């Protein structure tokens, strides 16, 4: 099963719980997905599923969103 992720940056409180293989932090400490600059279009590698699940469970504001299809449709 495919997994895609984004961070709701409006609700992120910069707690530092996000997995470093998937997420990074901007200058304000707010998390974003490094795979696609928080667009929700890059598939998370299966080997990172456990890290992603841990980040989702550890996020106190439920700001990390996960879906089985891309969040945004790319238009050519």
C-alpha atoms as a PDB file:
ATOM      1  CA  UNK A   1       0.000   0.000   0.000  1.00  0.00           C
ATOM      2  CA  UNK A   2       1.270   3.469  -0.908  1.00  0.00           C
ATOM      3  CA  UNK A   3       1.544   6.221   1.685  1.00  0.00           C
ATOM      4  CA  UNK A   4       1.778   9.968   1.195  1.00  0.00           C
ATOM      5  CA  UNK A   5       2.197  12.581   3.893  1.00  0.00           C
ATOM      6  CA  UNK A   6       1.938  16.310   4.546  1.00  0.00           C
ATOM      7  CA  UNK A   7       2.217  18.507   7.618  1.00  0.00           C
ATOM      8  CA  UNK A   8      -0.552  20.958   8.457  1.00  0.00           C
ATOM      9  CA  UNK A   9       1.765  23.856   9.165  1.00  0.00           C
ATOM     10  CA  UNK A  10      -1.045  25.932  10.635  1.00  0.00           C
ATOM     11  CA  UNK A  11      -1.434  23.503  13.555  1.00  0.00           C
ATOM     12  CA  UNK A  12       2.188  22.307  13.922  1.00  0.00           C
ATOM     13  CA  UNK A  13       3.674  23.497  17.222  1.00  0.00           C
ATOM     14  CA  UNK A  14       7.295  22.654  16.339  1.00  0.00           C
ATOM     15  CA  UNK A  15       7.549  19.917  18.962  1.00  0.00           C
ATOM     16  CA  UNK A  16      10.350  18.035  17.186  1.00  0.00           C
ATOM     17  CA  UNK A  17       8.572  14.662  17.093  1.00  0.00           C
ATOM     18  CA  UNK A  18       8.783  14.205  13.308  1.00  0.00           C
ATOM     19  CA  UNK A  19      11.061  11.536  11.763  1.00  0.00           C
ATOM     20  CA  UNK A  20      14.241  13.125  10.315  1.00  0.00           C
ATOM     21  CA  UNK A  21      14.249  10.802   7.276  1.00  0.00           C
ATOM     22  CA  UNK A  22      10.894  12.210   6.171  1.00  0.00           C
ATOM     23  CA  UNK A  23      10.567  15.631   7.803  1.00  0.00           C
ATOM     24  CA  UNK A  24      12.695  18.692   8.422  1.00  0.00           C
ATOM     25  CA  UNK A  25      11.979  22.011  10.124  1.00  0.00           C
ATOM     26  CA  UNK A  26      11.855  25.524   8.702  1.00  0.00           C
ATOM     27  CA  UNK A  27      13.486  28.520  10.387  1.00  0.00           C
ATOM     28  CA  UNK A  28      10.471  28.834  12.705  1.00  0.00           C
ATOM     29  CA  UNK A  29      10.790  25.200  13.768  1.00  0.00           C
ATOM     30  CA  UNK A  30       7.644  24.119  11.916  1.00  0.00           C
ATOM     31  CA  UNK A  31       7.869  20.681  10.267  1.00  0.00           C
ATOM     32  CA  UNK A  32       7.572  20.008   6.542  1.00  0.00           C
ATOM     33  CA  UNK A  33       7.971  16.914   4.348  1.00  0.00           C
ATOM     34  CA  UNK A  34      11.426  16.896   2.737  1.00  0.00           C
ATOM     35  CA  UNK A  35      10.399  14.385   0.058  1.00  0.00           C
ATOM     36  CA  UNK A  36       8.364  16.963  -1.870  1.00  0.00           C
ATOM     37  CA  UNK A  37       8.533  20.261   0.051  1.00  0.00           C
ATOM     38  CA  UNK A  38       5.277  19.402   1.871  1.00  0.00           C
ATOM     39  CA  UNK A  39       3.226  18.990  -1.311  1.00  0.00           C
ATOM     40  CA  UNK A  40       1.905  15.511  -0.445  1.00  0.00           C
ATOM     41  CA  UNK A  41       2.756  14.125  -3.876  1.00  0.00           C
ATOM     42  CA  UNK A  42       5.840  11.981  -3.151  1.00  0.00           C
ATOM     43  CA  UNK A  43       5.324   8.388  -2.123  1.00  0.00           C
ATOM     44  CA  UNK A  44       6.952   7.517   1.203  1.00  0.00           C
ATOM     45  CA  UNK A  45       9.337   4.571   0.840  1.00  0.00           C
ATOM     46  CA  UNK A  46       8.009   1.393   2.426  1.00  0.00           C
ATOM     47  CA  UNK A  47      11.131   1.168   4.568  1.00  0.00           C
ATOM     48  CA  UNK A  48      10.080   4.425   6.272  1.00  0.00           C
ATOM     49  CA  UNK A  49       6.523   3.368   7.146  1.00  0.00           C
ATOM     50  CA  UNK A  50       7.395   2.575  10.783  1.00  0.00           C
ATOM     51  CA  UNK A  51       9.119   5.970  11.178  1.00  0.00           C
ATOM     52  CA  UNK A  52       6.106   7.677   9.609  1.00  0.00           C
ATOM     53  CA  UNK A  53       3.695   5.837  11.895  1.00  0.00           C
ATOM     54  CA  UNK A  54       5.797   6.769  14.944  1.00  0.00           C
ATOM     55  CA  UNK A  55       5.800  10.436  13.883  1.00  0.00           C
ATOM     56  CA  UNK A  56       2.018  10.433  13.403  1.00  0.00           C
ATOM     57  CA  UNK A  57       1.477   8.811  16.806  1.00  0.00           C
ATOM     58  CA  UNK A  58       3.925  11.220  18.472  1.00  0.00           C
ATOM     59  CA  UNK A  59       2.458  14.396  16.976  1.00  0.00           C
ATOM     60  CA  UNK A  60       0.525  16.094  19.802  1.00  0.00           C
ATOM     61  CA  UNK A  61      -1.542  18.241  17.423  1.00  0.00           C
ATOM     62  CA  UNK A  62      -2.344  15.621  14.744  1.00  0.00           C
ATOM     63  CA  UNK A  63      -0.625  17.871  12.211  1.00  0.00           C
ATOM     64  CA  UNK A  64       0.951  15.001  10.258  1.00  0.00           C
ATOM     65  CA  UNK A  65      -1.543  13.717   7.709  1.00  0.00           C
ATOM     66  CA  UNK A  66      -1.233  10.390   5.853  1.00  0.00           C
ATOM     67  CA  UNK A  67      -3.215   9.134   2.857  1.00  0.00           C
ATOM     68  CA  UNK A  68      -2.921   6.239   0.412  1.00  0.00           C
ATOM     69  CA  UNK A  69      -3.013   8.557  -2.612  1.00  0.00           C
ATOM     70  CA  UNK A  70      -1.351  11.912  -3.321  1.00  0.00           C
ATOM     71  CA  UNK A  71      -2.802  14.948  -1.590  1.00  0.00           C
ATOM     72  CA  UNK A  72      -2.514  17.078  -4.737  1.00  0.00           C
ATOM     73  CA  UNK A  73      -2.896  16.018  -8.331  1.00  0.00           C
ATOM     74  CA  UNK A  74      -0.005  17.112 -10.491  1.00  0.00           C
ATOM     75  CA  UNK A  75      -1.064  18.936 -13.629  1.00  0.00           C
ATOM     76  CA  UNK A  76       1.171  18.797 -16.702  1.00  0.00           C
END
